[in-house]
PDB file of all heavy atoms in Angstrom:
ATOM      1  N   ALA A   1       0.831  -1.204   0.000  1.00  0.00           N
ATOM      2  CA  ALA A   1       0.000   0.000   0.000  1.00  0.00           C
ATOM      3  C   ALA A   1       0.860   1.247   0.000  1.00  0.00           C
ATOM      4  O   ALA A   1       0.546   2.238  -0.659  1.00  0.00           O
ATOM      5  CB  ALA A   1      -0.931  -0.011   1.209  1.00  0.00           C
ATOM      6  N   VAL A   2       1.953   1.212   0.758  1.00  0.00           N
ATOM      7  CA  VAL A   2       2.886   2.342   0.771  1.00  0.00           C
ATOM      8  C   VAL A   2       3.420   2.606  -0.625  1.00  0.00           C
ATOM      9  O   VAL A   2       3.448   3.740  -1.107  1.00  0.00           O
ATOM     10  CB  VAL A   2       4.051   2.076   1.744  1.00  0.00           C
ATOM     11  CG1 VAL A   2       5.135   3.123   1.572  1.00  0.00           C
ATOM     12  CG2 VAL A   2       3.549   2.075   3.178  1.00  0.00           C
ATOM     13  N   SER A   3       3.853   1.556  -1.308  1.00  0.00           N
ATOM     14  CA  SER A   3       4.426   1.712  -2.650  1.00  0.00           C
ATOM     15  C   SER A   3       3.409   2.281  -3.618  1.00  0.00           C
ATOM     16  O   SER A   3       3.726   3.111  -4.471  1.00  0.00           O
ATOM     17  CB  SER A   3       4.932   0.351  -3.151  1.00  0.00           C
ATOM     18  OG  SER A   3       5.927  -0.149  -2.296  1.00  0.00           O
ATOM     19  N   SER A   4       2.145   1.849  -3.486  1.00  0.00           N
ATOM     20  CA  SER A   4       1.098   2.310  -4.390  1.00  0.00           C
ATOM     21  C   SER A   4       0.787   3.784  -4.187  1.00  0.00           C
ATOM     22  O   SER A   4       0.648   4.548  -5.136  1.00  0.00           O
ATOM     23  CB  SER A   4      -0.160   1.466  -4.188  1.00  0.00           C
ATOM     24  OG  SER A   4      -1.223   1.946  -4.988  1.00  0.00           O
ATOM     25  N   LEU A   5       0.685   4.208  -2.923  1.00  0.00           N
ATOM     26  CA  LEU A   5       0.323   5.586  -2.638  1.00  0.00           C
ATOM     27  C   LEU A   5       1.489   6.542  -2.811  1.00  0.00           C
ATOM     28  O   LEU A   5       1.310   7.694  -3.208  1.00  0.00           O
ATOM     29  CB  LEU A   5      -0.212   5.693  -1.214  1.00  0.00           C
ATOM     30  CG  LEU A   5      -0.755   7.056  -0.766  1.00  0.00           C
ATOM     31  CD1 LEU A   5      -1.917   7.486  -1.644  1.00  0.00           C
ATOM     32  CD2 LEU A   5      -1.172   7.012   0.688  1.00  0.00           C
ATOM     33  N   ALA A   6       2.710   6.073  -2.545  1.00  0.00           N
ATOM     34  CA  ALA A   6       3.871   6.959  -2.529  1.00  0.00           C
ATOM     35  C   ALA A   6       4.152   7.601  -3.872  1.00  0.00           C
ATOM     36  O   ALA A   6       4.727   8.678  -3.948  1.00  0.00           O
ATOM     37  CB  ALA A   6       5.102   6.188  -2.056  1.00  0.00           C
ATOM     38  N   ALA A   7       3.749   6.942  -4.953  1.00  0.00           N
ATOM     39  CA  ALA A   7       4.084   7.442  -6.280  1.00  0.00           C
ATOM     40  C   ALA A   7       3.473   8.817  -6.554  1.00  0.00           C
ATOM     41  O   ALA A   7       4.056   9.634  -7.261  1.00  0.00           O
ATOM     42  CB  ALA A   7       3.626   6.437  -7.331  1.00  0.00           C
ATOM     43  N   GLN A   8       2.272   9.097  -5.987  1.00  0.00           N
ATOM     44  CA  GLN A   8       1.591  10.339  -6.313  1.00  0.00           C
ATOM     45  C   GLN A   8       1.284  11.202  -5.096  1.00  0.00           C
ATOM     46  O   GLN A   8       0.773  12.311  -5.252  1.00  0.00           O
ATOM     47  CB  GLN A   8       0.272  10.022  -7.047  1.00  0.00           C
ATOM     48  CG  GLN A   8       0.469   9.251  -8.354  1.00  0.00           C
ATOM     49  CD  GLN A   8      -0.852   8.889  -8.991  1.00  0.00           C
ATOM     50  OE1 GLN A   8      -1.881   8.833  -8.337  1.00  0.00           O
ATOM     51  NE2 GLN A   8      -0.829   8.644 -10.290  1.00  0.00           N
ATOM     52  N   ALA A   9       1.581  10.743  -3.892  1.00  0.00           N
ATOM     53  CA  ALA A   9       1.156  11.444  -2.689  1.00  0.00           C
ATOM     54  C   ALA A   9       2.182  12.466  -2.229  1.00  0.00           C
ATOM     55  O   ALA A   9       3.338  12.459  -2.623  1.00  0.00           O
ATOM     56  CB  ALA A   9       0.901  10.435  -1.574  1.00  0.00           C
ATOM     57  N   LYS A  10       1.730  13.357  -1.353  1.00  0.00           N
ATOM     58  CA  LYS A  10       2.605  14.296  -0.674  1.00  0.00           C
ATOM     59  C   LYS A  10       3.453  13.535   0.328  1.00  0.00           C
ATOM     60  O   LYS A  10       2.945  12.746   1.116  1.00  0.00           O
ATOM     61  CB  LYS A  10       1.769  15.350   0.051  1.00  0.00           C
ATOM     62  CG  LYS A  10       2.582  16.319   0.875  1.00  0.00           C
ATOM     63  CD  LYS A  10       1.674  17.270   1.637  1.00  0.00           C
ATOM     64  CE  LYS A  10       2.475  18.178   2.547  1.00  0.00           C
ATOM     65  NZ  LYS A  10       1.585  19.081   3.329  1.00  0.00           N
ATOM     66  N   LYS A  11       4.775  13.773   0.320  1.00  0.00           N
ATOM     67  CA  LYS A  11       5.688  12.962   1.117  1.00  0.00           C
ATOM     68  C   LYS A  11       6.436  13.830   2.128  1.00  0.00           C
ATOM     69  O   LYS A  11       6.761  14.971   1.859  1.00  0.00           O
ATOM     70  CB  LYS A  11       6.702  12.249   0.226  1.00  0.00           C
ATOM     71  CG  LYS A  11       6.122  11.534  -0.974  1.00  0.00           C
ATOM     72  CD  LYS A  11       7.215  10.979  -1.858  1.00  0.00           C
ATOM     73  CE  LYS A  11       6.670  10.390  -3.141  1.00  0.00           C
ATOM     74  NZ  LYS A  11       6.115  11.425  -4.042  1.00  0.00           N
ATOM     75  N   THR A  12       6.728  13.238   3.291  1.00  0.00           N
ATOM     76  CA  THR A  12       7.612  13.868   4.278  1.00  0.00           C
ATOM     77  C   THR A  12       8.535  12.797   4.844  1.00  0.00           C
ATOM     78  O   THR A  12       8.157  11.622   4.945  1.00  0.00           O
ATOM     79  CB  THR A  12       6.824  14.511   5.432  1.00  0.00           C
ATOM     80  OG1 THR A  12       6.080  13.497   6.123  1.00  0.00           O
ATOM     81  CG2 THR A  12       5.873  15.583   4.921  1.00  0.00           C
ATOM     82  N   LEU A  13       9.741  13.211   5.199  1.00  0.00           N
ATOM     83  CA  LEU A  13      10.722  12.292   5.768  1.00  0.00           C
ATOM     84  C   LEU A  13      11.497  13.020   6.852  1.00  0.00           C
ATOM     85  O   LEU A  13      11.980  14.135   6.638  1.00  0.00           O
ATOM     86  CB  LEU A  13      11.679  11.771   4.694  1.00  0.00           C
ATOM     87  CG  LEU A  13      12.855  10.912   5.175  1.00  0.00           C
ATOM     88  CD1 LEU A  13      12.357   9.615   5.802  1.00  0.00           C
ATOM     89  CD2 LEU A  13      13.819  10.614   4.037  1.00  0.00           C
ATOM     90  N   THR A  14      11.614  12.395   8.022  1.00  0.00           N
ATOM     91  CA  THR A  14      12.358  12.966   9.134  1.00  0.00           C
ATOM     92  C   THR A  14      13.335  11.933   9.673  1.00  0.00           C
ATOM     93  O   THR A  14      12.969  10.768   9.875  1.00  0.00           O
ATOM     94  CB  THR A  14      11.410  13.390  10.273  1.00  0.00           C
ATOM     95  OG1 THR A  14      10.450  14.323   9.761  1.00  0.00           O
ATOM     96  CG2 THR A  14      12.189  14.047  11.405  1.00  0.00           C
ATOM     97  N   LEU A  15      14.578  12.347   9.898  1.00  0.00           N
ATOM     98  CA  LEU A  15      15.614  11.473  10.442  1.00  0.00           C
ATOM     99  C   LEU A  15      16.106  12.046  11.768  1.00  0.00           C
ATOM    100  O   LEU A  15      16.291  13.260  11.896  1.00  0.00           O
ATOM    101  CB  LEU A  15      16.787  11.348   9.470  1.00  0.00           C
ATOM    102  CG  LEU A  15      16.473  10.803   8.080  1.00  0.00           C
ATOM    103  CD1 LEU A  15      17.741  10.774   7.230  1.00  0.00           C
ATOM    104  CD2 LEU A  15      15.859   9.408   8.155  1.00  0.00           C
ATOM    105  N   ASP A  16      16.315  11.169  12.758  1.00  0.00           N
ATOM    106  CA  ASP A  16      16.824  11.570  14.068  1.00  0.00           C
ATOM    107  C   ASP A  16      18.139  10.860  14.356  1.00  0.00           C
ATOM    108  O   ASP A  16      18.248   9.648  14.140  1.00  0.00           O
ATOM    109  CB  ASP A  16      15.827  11.211  15.179  1.00  0.00           C
ATOM    110  CG  ASP A  16      14.534  11.989  15.067  1.00  0.00           C
ATOM    111  OD1 ASP A  16      14.598  13.199  14.805  1.00  0.00           O
ATOM    112  OD2 ASP A  16      13.452  11.391  15.234  1.00  0.00           O
ATOM    113  N   PHE A  17      19.108  11.609  14.838  1.00  0.00           N
ATOM    114  CA  PHE A  17      20.391  11.050  15.254  1.00  0.00           C
ATOM    115  C   PHE A  17      20.709  11.613  16.634  1.00  0.00           C
ATOM    116  O   PHE A  17      20.525  12.806  16.857  1.00  0.00           O
ATOM    117  CB  PHE A  17      21.517  11.437  14.293  1.00  0.00           C
ATOM    118  CG  PHE A  17      21.224  11.160  12.848  1.00  0.00           C
ATOM    119  CD1 PHE A  17      20.576  12.115  12.073  1.00  0.00           C
ATOM    120  CD2 PHE A  17      21.583   9.958  12.277  1.00  0.00           C
ATOM    121  CE1 PHE A  17      20.305  11.875  10.731  1.00  0.00           C
ATOM    122  CE2 PHE A  17      21.306   9.711  10.937  1.00  0.00           C
ATOM    123  CZ  PHE A  17      20.667  10.665  10.168  1.00  0.00           C
ATOM    124  N   GLY A  18      21.201  10.775  17.536  1.00  0.00           N
ATOM    125  CA  GLY A  18      21.522  11.345  18.835  1.00  0.00           C
ATOM    126  C   GLY A  18      22.175  10.400  19.808  1.00  0.00           C
ATOM    127  O   GLY A  18      22.495   9.250  19.484  1.00  0.00           O
ATOM    128  N   LEU A  19      22.380  10.921  21.019  1.00  0.00           N
ATOM    129  CA  LEU A  19      22.937  10.166  22.129  1.00  0.00           C
ATOM    130  C   LEU A  19      21.801   9.655  23.006  1.00  0.00           C
ATOM    131  O   LEU A  19      20.745  10.272  23.088  1.00  0.00           O
ATOM    132  CB  LEU A  19      23.872  11.045  22.953  1.00  0.00           C
ATOM    133  CG  LEU A  19      25.096  11.584  22.241  1.00  0.00           C
ATOM    134  CD1 LEU A  19      25.865  12.525  23.165  1.00  0.00           C
ATOM    135  CD2 LEU A  19      25.996  10.444  21.785  1.00  0.00           C
ATOM    136  N   VAL A  20      22.030   8.522  23.688  1.00  0.00           N
ATOM    137  CA  VAL A  20      21.020   7.897  24.522  1.00  0.00           C
ATOM    138  C   VAL A  20      21.578   7.640  25.905  1.00  0.00           C
ATOM    139  O   VAL A  20      22.694   7.140  26.047  1.00  0.00           O
ATOM    140  CB  VAL A  20      20.539   6.558  23.911  1.00  0.00           C
ATOM    141  CG1 VAL A  20      19.492   5.920  24.800  1.00  0.00           C
ATOM    142  CG2 VAL A  20      19.982   6.776  22.519  1.00  0.00           C
ATOM    143  N   ASN A  21      20.794   7.967  26.924  1.00  0.00           N
ATOM    144  CA  ASN A  21      21.105   7.583  28.296  1.00  0.00           C
ATOM    145  C   ASN A  21      19.894   6.858  28.841  1.00  0.00           C
ATOM    146  O   ASN A  21      18.786   7.392  28.795  1.00  0.00           O
ATOM    147  CB  ASN A  21      21.422   8.805  29.160  1.00  0.00           C
ATOM    148  CG  ASN A  21      21.696   8.421  30.604  1.00  0.00           C
ATOM    149  OD1 ASN A  21      20.787   8.435  31.429  1.00  0.00           O
ATOM    150  ND2 ASN A  21      22.929   8.074  30.898  1.00  0.00           N
ATOM    151  N   ALA A  22      20.060   5.638  29.326  1.00  0.00           N
ATOM    152  CA  ALA A  22      18.930   4.824  29.756  1.00  0.00           C
ATOM    153  C   ALA A  22      19.197   4.198  31.107  1.00  0.00           C
ATOM    154  O   ALA A  22      20.352   3.950  31.482  1.00  0.00           O
ATOM    155  CB  ALA A  22      18.635   3.722  28.729  1.00  0.00           C
ATOM    156  N   SER A  23      18.098   3.937  31.857  1.00  0.00           N
ATOM    157  CA  SER A  23      18.186   3.216  33.121  1.00  0.00           C
ATOM    158  C   SER A  23      17.013   2.259  33.212  1.00  0.00           C
ATOM    159  O   SER A  23      15.962   2.496  32.631  1.00  0.00           O
ATOM    160  CB  SER A  23      18.164   4.201  34.302  1.00  0.00           C
ATOM    161  OG  SER A  23      16.943   4.914  34.337  1.00  0.00           O
ATOM    162  N   GLY A  24      17.182   1.175  33.925  1.00  0.00           N
ATOM    163  CA  GLY A  24      16.139   0.151  34.022  1.00  0.00           C
ATOM    164  C   GLY A  24      16.767  -1.194  33.768  1.00  0.00           C
ATOM    165  O   GLY A  24      17.688  -1.614  34.472  1.00  0.00           O
ATOM    166  N   ASN A  25      16.276  -1.908  32.750  1.00  0.00           N
ATOM    167  CA  ASN A  25      16.894  -3.179  32.392  1.00  0.00           C
ATOM    168  C   ASN A  25      18.269  -2.966  31.766  1.00  0.00           C
ATOM    169  O   ASN A  25      19.067  -3.899  31.689  1.00  0.00           O
ATOM    170  CB  ASN A  25      15.989  -3.955  31.434  1.00  0.00           C
ATOM    171  CG  ASN A  25      14.774  -4.526  32.134  1.00  0.00           C
ATOM    172  OD1 ASN A  25      14.921  -5.293  33.076  1.00  0.00           O
ATOM    173  ND2 ASN A  25      13.592  -4.132  31.706  1.00  0.00           N
ATOM    174  N   SER A  26      18.530  -1.760  31.276  1.00  0.00           N
ATOM    175  CA  SER A  26      19.842  -1.425  30.726  1.00  0.00           C
ATOM    176  C   SER A  26      20.297  -0.090  31.304  1.00  0.00           C
ATOM    177  O   SER A  26      19.506   0.847  31.417  1.00  0.00           O
ATOM    178  CB  SER A  26      19.792  -1.322  29.196  1.00  0.00           C
ATOM    179  OG  SER A  26      19.378  -2.538  28.618  1.00  0.00           O
ATOM    180  N   ASP A  27      21.578  -0.001  31.682  1.00  0.00           N
ATOM    181  CA  ASP A  27      22.188   1.250  32.107  1.00  0.00           C
ATOM    182  C   ASP A  27      23.365   1.509  31.185  1.00  0.00           C
ATOM    183  O   ASP A  27      24.364   0.789  31.249  1.00  0.00           O
ATOM    184  CB  ASP A  27      22.661   1.164  33.563  1.00  0.00           C
ATOM    185  CG  ASP A  27      21.485   1.032  34.524  1.00  0.00           C
ATOM    186  OD1 ASP A  27      20.707   1.991  34.634  1.00  0.00           O
ATOM    187  OD2 ASP A  27      21.370  -0.024  35.158  1.00  0.00           O
ATOM    188  N   PHE A  28      23.231   2.508  30.320  1.00  0.00           N
ATOM    189  CA  PHE A  28      24.249   2.669  29.293  1.00  0.00           C
ATOM    190  C   PHE A  28      24.189   4.067  28.696  1.00  0.00           C
ATOM    191  O   PHE A  28      23.222   4.807  28.877  1.00  0.00           O
ATOM    192  CB  PHE A  28      24.054   1.638  28.179  1.00  0.00           C
ATOM    193  CG  PHE A  28      22.750   1.822  27.434  1.00  0.00           C
ATOM    194  CD1 PHE A  28      22.700   2.579  26.276  1.00  0.00           C
ATOM    195  CD2 PHE A  28      21.590   1.239  27.894  1.00  0.00           C
ATOM    196  CE1 PHE A  28      21.509   2.761  25.598  1.00  0.00           C
ATOM    197  CE2 PHE A  28      20.389   1.409  27.216  1.00  0.00           C
ATOM    198  CZ  PHE A  28      20.349   2.167  26.062  1.00  0.00           C
ATOM    199  N   THR A  29      25.227   4.390  27.970  1.00  0.00           N
ATOM    200  CA  THR A  29      25.241   5.561  27.103  1.00  0.00           C
ATOM    201  C   THR A  29      25.598   5.068  25.714  1.00  0.00           C
ATOM    202  O   THR A  29      26.583   4.358  25.550  1.00  0.00           O
ATOM    203  CB  THR A  29      26.253   6.611  27.576  1.00  0.00           C
ATOM    204  OG1 THR A  29      25.892   7.038  28.897  1.00  0.00           O
ATOM    205  CG2 THR A  29      26.271   7.809  26.643  1.00  0.00           C
ATOM    206  N   SER A  30      24.765   5.437  24.738  1.00  0.00           N
ATOM    207  CA  SER A  30      24.951   4.873  23.409  1.00  0.00           C
ATOM    208  C   SER A  30      24.443   5.868  22.360  1.00  0.00           C
ATOM    209  O   SER A  30      24.314   7.050  22.634  1.00  0.00           O
ATOM    210  CB  SER A  30      24.224   3.528  23.304  1.00  0.00           C
ATOM    211  OG  SER A  30      24.499   2.907  22.072  1.00  0.00           O
ATOM    212  N   VAL A  31      24.166   5.366  21.159  1.00  0.00           N
ATOM    213  CA  VAL A  31      23.645   6.200  20.076  1.00  0.00           C
ATOM    214  C   VAL A  31      22.310   5.643  19.610  1.00  0.00           C
ATOM    215  O   VAL A  31      21.999   4.464  19.830  1.00  0.00           O
ATOM    216  CB  VAL A  31      24.623   6.261  18.882  1.00  0.00           C
ATOM    217  CG1 VAL A  31      25.921   6.918  19.301  1.00  0.00           C
ATOM    218  CG2 VAL A  31      24.892   4.859  18.323  1.00  0.00           C
ATOM    219  N   ASN A  32      21.521   6.504  18.972  1.00  0.00           N
ATOM    220  CA  ASN A  32      20.237   6.049  18.444  1.00  0.00           C
ATOM    221  C   ASN A  32      20.015   6.610  17.051  1.00  0.00           C
ATOM    222  O   ASN A  32      20.601   7.612  16.654  1.00  0.00           O
ATOM    223  CB  ASN A  32      19.087   6.476  19.365  1.00  0.00           C
ATOM    224  CG  ASN A  32      18.714   7.924  19.155  1.00  0.00           C
ATOM    225  OD1 ASN A  32      19.502   8.813  19.424  1.00  0.00           O
ATOM    226  ND2 ASN A  32      17.499   8.161  18.679  1.00  0.00           N
ATOM    227  N   PHE A  33      19.119   5.951  16.317  1.00  0.00           N
ATOM    228  CA  PHE A  33      18.721   6.404  14.988  1.00  0.00           C
ATOM    229  C   PHE A  33      17.218   6.215  14.859  1.00  0.00           C
ATOM    230  O   PHE A  33      16.679   5.167  15.233  1.00  0.00           O
ATOM    231  CB  PHE A  33      19.433   5.609  13.889  1.00  0.00           C
ATOM    232  CG  PHE A  33      18.882   5.867  12.513  1.00  0.00           C
ATOM    233  CD1 PHE A  33      19.186   7.050  11.842  1.00  0.00           C
ATOM    234  CD2 PHE A  33      18.043   4.961  11.896  1.00  0.00           C
ATOM    235  CE1 PHE A  33      18.670   7.309  10.583  1.00  0.00           C
ATOM    236  CE2 PHE A  33      17.527   5.203  10.634  1.00  0.00           C
ATOM    237  CZ  PHE A  33      17.840   6.377   9.969  1.00  0.00           C
ATOM    238  N   GLY A  34      16.544   7.243  14.372  1.00  0.00           N
ATOM    239  CA  GLY A  34      15.109   7.153  14.147  1.00  0.00           C
ATOM    240  C   GLY A  34      14.756   7.669  12.770  1.00  0.00           C
ATOM    241  O   GLY A  34      15.432   8.554  12.221  1.00  0.00           O
ATOM    242  N   GLU A  35      13.695   7.122  12.212  1.00  0.00           N
ATOM    243  CA  GLU A  35      13.250   7.509  10.870  1.00  0.00           C
ATOM    244  C   GLU A  35      11.726   7.503  10.833  1.00  0.00           C
ATOM    245  O   GLU A  35      11.090   6.587  11.341  1.00  0.00           O
ATOM    246  CB  GLU A  35      13.831   6.540   9.842  1.00  0.00           C
ATOM    247  CG  GLU A  35      13.325   6.733   8.423  1.00  0.00           C
ATOM    248  CD  GLU A  35      12.158   5.816   8.093  1.00  0.00           C
ATOM    249  OE1 GLU A  35      11.980   4.798   8.798  1.00  0.00           O
ATOM    250  OE2 GLU A  35      11.414   6.122   7.140  1.00  0.00           O
ATOM    251  N   LYS A  36      11.154   8.591  10.267  1.00  0.00           N
ATOM    252  CA  LYS A  36       9.705   8.687  10.106  1.00  0.00           C
ATOM    253  C   LYS A  36       9.401   9.158   8.692  1.00  0.00           C
ATOM    254  O   LYS A  36       9.970  10.134   8.220  1.00  0.00           O
ATOM    255  CB  LYS A  36       9.106   9.689  11.110  1.00  0.00           C
ATOM    256  CG  LYS A  36       9.313   9.321  12.569  1.00  0.00           C
ATOM    257  CD  LYS A  36       8.716  10.376  13.482  1.00  0.00           C
ATOM    258  CE  LYS A  36       8.943  10.022  14.940  1.00  0.00           C
ATOM    259  NZ  LYS A  36       8.373  11.068  15.851  1.00  0.00           N
ATOM    260  N   ALA A  37       8.502   8.462   8.032  1.00  0.00           N
ATOM    261  CA  ALA A  37       8.097   8.831   6.679  1.00  0.00           C
ATOM    262  C   ALA A  37       6.577   8.792   6.591  1.00  0.00           C
ATOM    263  O   ALA A  37       5.928   7.970   7.239  1.00  0.00           O
ATOM    264  CB  ALA A  37       8.709   7.875   5.651  1.00  0.00           C
ATOM    265  N   SER A  38       6.014   9.694   5.807  1.00  0.00           N
ATOM    266  CA  SER A  38       4.560   9.707   5.654  1.00  0.00           C
ATOM    267  C   SER A  38       4.197  10.120   4.238  1.00  0.00           C
ATOM    268  O   SER A  38       4.948  10.843   3.566  1.00  0.00           O
ATOM    269  CB  SER A  38       3.902  10.657   6.664  1.00  0.00           C
ATOM    270  OG  SER A  38       4.300  11.994   6.438  1.00  0.00           O
ATOM    271  N   TRP A  39       3.033   9.643   3.807  1.00  0.00           N
ATOM    272  CA  TRP A  39       2.480   9.972   2.501  1.00  0.00           C
ATOM    273  C   TRP A  39       1.013  10.326   2.702  1.00  0.00           C
ATOM    274  O   TRP A  39       0.296   9.655   3.446  1.00  0.00           O
ATOM    275  CB  TRP A  39       2.586   8.790   1.544  1.00  0.00           C
ATOM    276  CG  TRP A  39       3.988   8.333   1.262  1.00  0.00           C
ATOM    277  CD1 TRP A  39       4.761   8.662   0.176  1.00  0.00           C
ATOM    278  CD2 TRP A  39       4.780   7.436   2.048  1.00  0.00           C
ATOM    279  NE1 TRP A  39       5.980   8.036   0.248  1.00  0.00           N
ATOM    280  CE2 TRP A  39       6.022   7.271   1.393  1.00  0.00           C
ATOM    281  CE3 TRP A  39       4.563   6.755   3.245  1.00  0.00           C
ATOM    282  CZ2 TRP A  39       7.035   6.466   1.893  1.00  0.00           C
ATOM    283  CZ3 TRP A  39       5.569   5.954   3.753  1.00  0.00           C
ATOM    284  CH2 TRP A  39       6.780   5.813   3.071  1.00  0.00           C
TER     285      TRP A  39
END
């Protein structure tokens, strides 16, 4: 469905890059990557 609609629809794309600090089941400092796309 994405492929069908993407050809003619209005598109947006957002990318996230950053540092991560977490506590709980994991205690660490690391990196993260996120991606969001919409049509």
